């Protein structure tokens, strides 16, 4: 059985300026698979919170439809349907921009997708943020690390013309016992920026929480949001923060 918790909270920099939270996430949990989507709207984009929400909702529904239709999936099929989900999200943002007569760059956002099954982990990653997994043998690994551009803090968003060439799709043919998807507001707390390796003590309480038995995922997600908004965390990062944690328990 799978269970998931998640939260997106506004960073203190946006609290001070009155800007909305530009992160967005959602997930679908079924007995056979879990799909997670998380997006981080670009701070330089005028309505990036809209782009993040449209990207997550569209990609999640598209990917779920394809997983239902094409199971069981071979490796090439996984690559194709994950890329199709990103393409659908891009098209949806483009359509929203045209309808509202604004430039698509106003909806600039990153996007991460993760599909977790009992024997496979598939991740699509565009932009910053990271996906970290714990496997049955106890090892904790960074599956996809932040994607930086030529300059510091530069990423390729879903709204860029060359987004397809920047998209990375990664597959692990192994049983991931727990998976965390996080936006860049938590990178410095959880990922070694020099090596890309995860800081295991950061993830341990979350992974243990979702793998050691049934929990109330609604109240636990609220507790997660409180933690992300706490002084302890905000003293180290003033950015918006998203964390989704998925675990399998007996």
Protein backbone atom coordinates (compact mmCIF):
# COMPACT_ATOMS: atom_id res chain seq x y z
CA UNK A 1 0.00 0.00 0.00
CA UNK A 2 1.09 3.55 -0.76
CA UNK A 3 0.47 6.78 1.10
CA UNK A 4 1.58 10.35 0.45
CA UNK A 5 1.85 13.67 2.23
CA UNK A 6 2.61 17.06 0.73
CA UNK A 7 2.69 20.79 1.33
CA UNK A 8 3.52 24.01 -0.50
CA UNK A 9 4.10 27.10 1.64
CA UNK A 10 4.84 30.74 0.90
CA UNK A 11 8.37 31.90 1.58
CA UNK A 12 9.05 34.79 3.92
CA UNK A 13 10.27 36.92 1.00
CA UNK A 14 6.81 36.64 -0.56
CA UNK A 15 5.13 37.26 2.77
CA UNK A 16 7.02 40.56 3.04
CA UNK A 17 6.20 41.65 -0.52
CA UNK A 18 2.62 40.38 -0.57
CA UNK A 19 3.25 38.02 -3.47
CA UNK A 20 1.40 34.68 -3.65
CA UNK A 21 3.05 31.30 -3.21
CA UNK A 22 4.40 30.44 -6.65
CA UNK A 23 4.85 26.72 -5.91
CA UNK A 24 2.14 24.18 -6.63
CA UNK A 25 1.87 20.41 -6.22
CA UNK A 26 -0.59 17.55 -6.37
CA UNK A 27 -0.53 13.76 -6.42
CA UNK A 28 -2.64 10.70 -7.16
CA UNK A 29 -2.36 7.58 -4.99
CA UNK A 30 -3.67 4.21 -6.20
CA UNK A 31 -2.99 0.63 -5.03
CA UNK A 32 -0.63 0.04 -8.00
CA UNK A 33 1.10 3.37 -8.54
CA UNK A 34 1.52 6.94 -7.32
CA UNK A 35 1.96 10.00 -9.54
CA UNK A 36 3.41 13.23 -8.13
CA UNK A 37 3.65 16.60 -9.85
CA UNK A 38 5.36 19.70 -8.44
CA UNK A 39 6.11 23.07 -10.03
CA UNK A 40 7.95 26.20 -9.01
CA UNK A 41 6.79 29.37 -10.73
CA UNK A 42 9.60 31.70 -11.77
CA UNK A 43 9.98 34.74 -9.57
CA UNK A 44 10.61 36.85 -12.67
CA UNK A 45 7.33 35.83 -14.31
CA UNK A 46 4.30 38.06 -13.68
CA UNK A 47 1.76 35.25 -13.12
CA UNK A 48 3.95 32.24 -12.51
CA UNK A 49 1.66 30.87 -9.81
CA UNK A 50 -0.95 30.33 -12.55
CA UNK A 51 1.59 28.63 -14.79
CA UNK A 52 2.65 26.32 -11.96
CA UNK A 53 -0.93 25.28 -11.18
CA UNK A 54 -1.89 24.75 -14.83
CA UNK A 55 1.26 22.70 -15.43
CA UNK A 56 0.69 20.44 -12.43
CA UNK A 57 -2.99 19.83 -13.01
CA UNK A 58 -2.60 19.17 -16.74
CA UNK A 59 0.47 16.96 -16.49
CA UNK A 60 -0.99 14.92 -13.65
CA UNK A 61 -4.29 14.19 -15.40
CA UNK A 62 -2.57 13.45 -18.73
CA UNK A 63 -0.09 11.07 -17.17
CA UNK A 64 -2.77 9.27 -15.17
CA UNK A 65 -4.84 8.70 -18.31
CA UNK A 66 -1.82 7.30 -20.15
CA UNK A 67 -0.80 4.99 -17.27
CA UNK A 68 -4.32 3.59 -17.17
CA UNK A 69 -4.40 3.12 -20.93
CA UNK A 70 -1.01 1.61 -21.58
CA UNK A 71 -0.16 -0.59 -18.56
CA UNK A 72 1.95 -2.66 -18.47
CA UNK A 73 4.49 -0.20 -19.85
CA UNK A 74 7.89 -0.93 -21.35
CA UNK A 75 10.79 1.49 -21.00
CA UNK A 76 10.17 3.33 -24.29
CA UNK A 77 6.52 3.78 -23.38
CA UNK A 78 7.40 5.36 -20.03
CA UNK A 79 9.69 7.82 -21.77
CA UNK A 80 6.97 8.68 -24.27
CA UNK A 81 4.07 9.20 -21.87
CA UNK A 82 6.12 11.31 -19.45
CA UNK A 83 7.23 13.54 -22.32
CA UNK A 84 3.63 13.70 -23.55
CA UNK A 85 2.52 14.89 -20.11
CA UNK A 86 5.07 17.72 -20.22
CA UNK A 87 3.92 18.59 -23.73
CA UNK A 88 0.28 18.69 -22.65
CA UNK A 89 1.21 20.98 -19.76
CA UNK A 90 3.09 23.29 -22.10
CA UNK A 91 0.14 23.37 -24.52
CA UNK A 92 -2.27 24.15 -21.68
CA UNK A 93 -0.14 27.08 -20.52
CA UNK A 94 0.16 28.34 -24.09
CA UNK A 95 -3.62 28.13 -24.48
CA UNK A 96 -4.15 30.06 -21.25
CA UNK A 97 -1.72 32.75 -22.38
CA UNK A 98 -3.48 33.13 -25.75
CA UNK A 99 -6.92 33.26 -24.12
CA UNK A 100 -5.80 35.92 -21.66
CA UNK A 101 -3.77 37.84 -24.28
CA UNK A 102 -0.54 37.74 -22.30
CA UNK A 103 2.93 36.48 -23.15
CA UNK A 104 3.56 32.83 -22.32
CA UNK A 105 6.66 33.88 -20.37
CA UNK A 106 4.33 35.49 -17.82
CA UNK A 107 3.40 31.94 -16.77
CA UNK A 108 6.99 30.73 -16.50
CA UNK A 109 7.39 27.63 -14.33
CA UNK A 110 9.50 24.54 -13.74
CA UNK A 111 7.92 21.09 -13.55
CA UNK A 112 8.76 17.71 -12.02
CA UNK A 113 6.81 14.48 -12.45
CA UNK A 114 7.40 11.21 -10.62
CA UNK A 115 5.66 7.88 -11.17
CA UNK A 116 6.26 5.27 -8.46
CA UNK A 117 5.27 1.63 -8.91
CA UNK A 118 6.24 -1.52 -7.00
CA UNK A 119 9.22 -2.16 -9.26
CA UNK A 120 9.95 1.11 -11.05
CA UNK A 121 10.53 4.82 -10.51
CA UNK A 122 10.19 7.19 -13.47
CA UNK A 123 11.00 10.88 -13.13
CA UNK A 124 10.59 13.76 -15.57
CA UNK A 125 12.51 16.86 -14.52
CA UNK A 126 12.67 20.34 -16.00
CA UNK A 127 14.32 23.13 -14.02
CA UNK A 128 15.51 23.19 -10.43
CA UNK A 129 14.28 21.13 -7.48
CA UNK A 130 15.15 17.48 -6.85
CA UNK A 131 13.76 13.97 -6.49
CA UNK A 132 15.27 11.73 -3.80
CA UNK A 133 14.48 8.06 -3.16
CA UNK A 134 15.09 5.47 -0.48
CA UNK A 135 15.37 1.87 -1.68
CA UNK A 136 14.70 -1.47 0.02
CA UNK A 137 18.36 -1.90 0.96
CA UNK A 138 18.28 1.39 2.89
CA UNK A 139 20.32 3.52 0.50
CA UNK A 140 19.14 7.08 -0.15
CA UNK A 141 19.94 8.54 -3.57
CA UNK A 142 19.28 11.70 -5.54
CA UNK A 143 17.44 10.52 -8.65
CA UNK A 144 17.41 13.90 -10.38
CA UNK A 145 19.26 16.99 -9.18
CA UNK A 146 18.58 20.68 -9.90
CA UNK A 147 19.09 21.63 -13.53
CA UNK A 148 21.05 24.87 -13.70
CA UNK A 149 21.64 27.01 -16.76
CA UNK A 150 24.81 28.75 -17.81
CA UNK A 151 24.45 31.36 -15.07
CA UNK A 152 23.64 31.09 -11.36
CA UNK A 153 19.91 30.71 -10.62
CA UNK A 154 19.17 30.31 -14.34
CA UNK A 155 16.84 27.47 -15.30
CA UNK A 156 15.00 26.43 -18.45
CA UNK A 157 11.26 26.71 -17.73
CA UNK A 158 8.42 24.86 -19.40
CA UNK A 159 7.55 28.08 -21.20
CA UNK A 160 10.96 28.33 -22.94
CA UNK A 161 11.24 27.55 -26.64
CA UNK A 162 13.92 24.91 -25.99
CA UNK A 163 12.15 23.20 -23.08
CA UNK A 164 12.07 19.80 -24.82
CA UNK A 165 15.85 19.62 -25.14
CA UNK A 166 16.25 20.51 -21.46
CA UNK A 167 13.76 17.91 -20.20
CA UNK A 168 15.37 14.90 -18.50
CA UNK A 169 13.48 11.62 -18.08
CA UNK A 170 15.09 9.13 -15.71
CA UNK A 171 14.06 5.55 -14.93
CA UNK A 172 15.07 3.27 -12.06
CA UNK A 173 14.12 -0.38 -12.42
CA UNK A 174 14.18 -0.93 -8.69
CA UNK A 175 11.77 -0.82 -5.80
CA UNK A 176 11.76 2.64 -4.26
CA UNK A 177 10.39 2.30 -0.75
CA UNK A 178 10.01 6.06 -0.33
CA UNK A 179 10.32 9.08 -2.64
CA UNK A 180 10.57 12.80 -1.95
CA UNK A 181 9.91 15.55 -4.51
CA UNK A 182 11.05 19.03 -3.49
CA UNK A 183 11.32 22.47 -5.05
CA UNK A 184 14.40 24.65 -4.91
CA UNK A 185 13.37 26.38 -1.69
CA UNK A 186 14.55 23.25 0.14
CA UNK A 187 17.62 22.44 -1.97
CA UNK A 188 20.22 23.98 0.31
CA UNK A 189 18.76 22.22 3.35
CA UNK A 190 18.54 18.77 1.80
CA UNK A 191 21.01 18.42 -1.09
CA UNK A 192 24.79 18.82 -1.14
CA UNK A 193 25.15 21.41 -3.89
CA UNK A 194 28.72 20.36 -4.66
CA UNK A 195 28.07 16.62 -5.06
CA UNK A 196 24.32 16.44 -5.62
CA UNK A 197 24.07 13.84 -2.85
CA UNK A 198 21.09 13.95 -0.47
CA UNK A 199 21.48 14.90 3.18
CA UNK A 200 20.03 11.65 4.56
CA UNK A 201 19.19 13.02 8.05
CA UNK A 202 16.87 15.59 6.48
CA UNK A 203 14.83 12.91 4.72
CA UNK A 204 14.94 10.19 7.40
CA UNK A 205 11.98 11.37 9.54
CA UNK A 206 9.78 11.89 6.48
CA UNK A 207 10.65 8.54 4.92
CA UNK A 208 10.17 6.74 8.23
CA UNK A 209 6.84 8.46 8.75
CA UNK A 210 5.29 7.23 5.49
CA UNK A 211 6.75 3.69 5.50
CA UNK A 212 6.27 2.43 9.06
CA UNK A 213 2.48 2.22 9.12
CA UNK A 214 -0.80 3.87 8.25
CA UNK A 215 -0.98 7.58 9.05
CA UNK A 216 -3.61 10.29 8.79
CA UNK A 217 -2.23 11.86 5.63
CA UNK A 218 -4.39 14.99 5.91
CA UNK A 219 -3.27 15.95 9.40
CA UNK A 220 0.30 14.90 8.67
CA UNK A 221 0.35 17.12 5.58
CA UNK A 222 -0.81 19.99 7.79
CA UNK A 223 2.04 19.25 10.19
CA UNK A 224 4.43 19.20 7.23
CA UNK A 225 3.20 22.64 6.14
CA UNK A 226 3.74 23.93 9.68
CA UNK A 227 7.29 22.59 9.63
CA UNK A 228 8.08 24.20 6.26
CA UNK A 229 6.74 27.52 7.54
CA UNK A 230 8.57 27.29 10.87
CA UNK A 231 11.23 29.75 12.02
CA UNK A 232 13.74 26.89 12.00
CA UNK A 233 13.32 26.38 8.27
CA UNK A 234 12.68 29.99 7.27
CA UNK A 235 15.90 31.06 8.97
CA UNK A 236 17.72 29.10 6.27
CA UNK A 237 15.56 29.86 3.24
CA UNK A 238 13.13 32.66 2.40
CA UNK A 239 11.84 31.05 -0.80
CA UNK A 240 8.57 29.22 -1.41
CA UNK A 241 8.91 25.57 -0.42
CA UNK A 242 7.24 22.37 -1.59
CA UNK A 243 7.82 18.85 -0.28
CA UNK A 244 5.89 15.74 -1.29
CA UNK A 245 6.79 12.42 0.33
CA UNK A 246 5.48 9.05 -0.86
CA UNK A 247 6.00 5.77 0.96
CA UNK A 248 5.10 2.10 0.69
CA UNK A 249 4.19 0.17 3.82
CA UNK A 250 3.24 -3.45 4.50
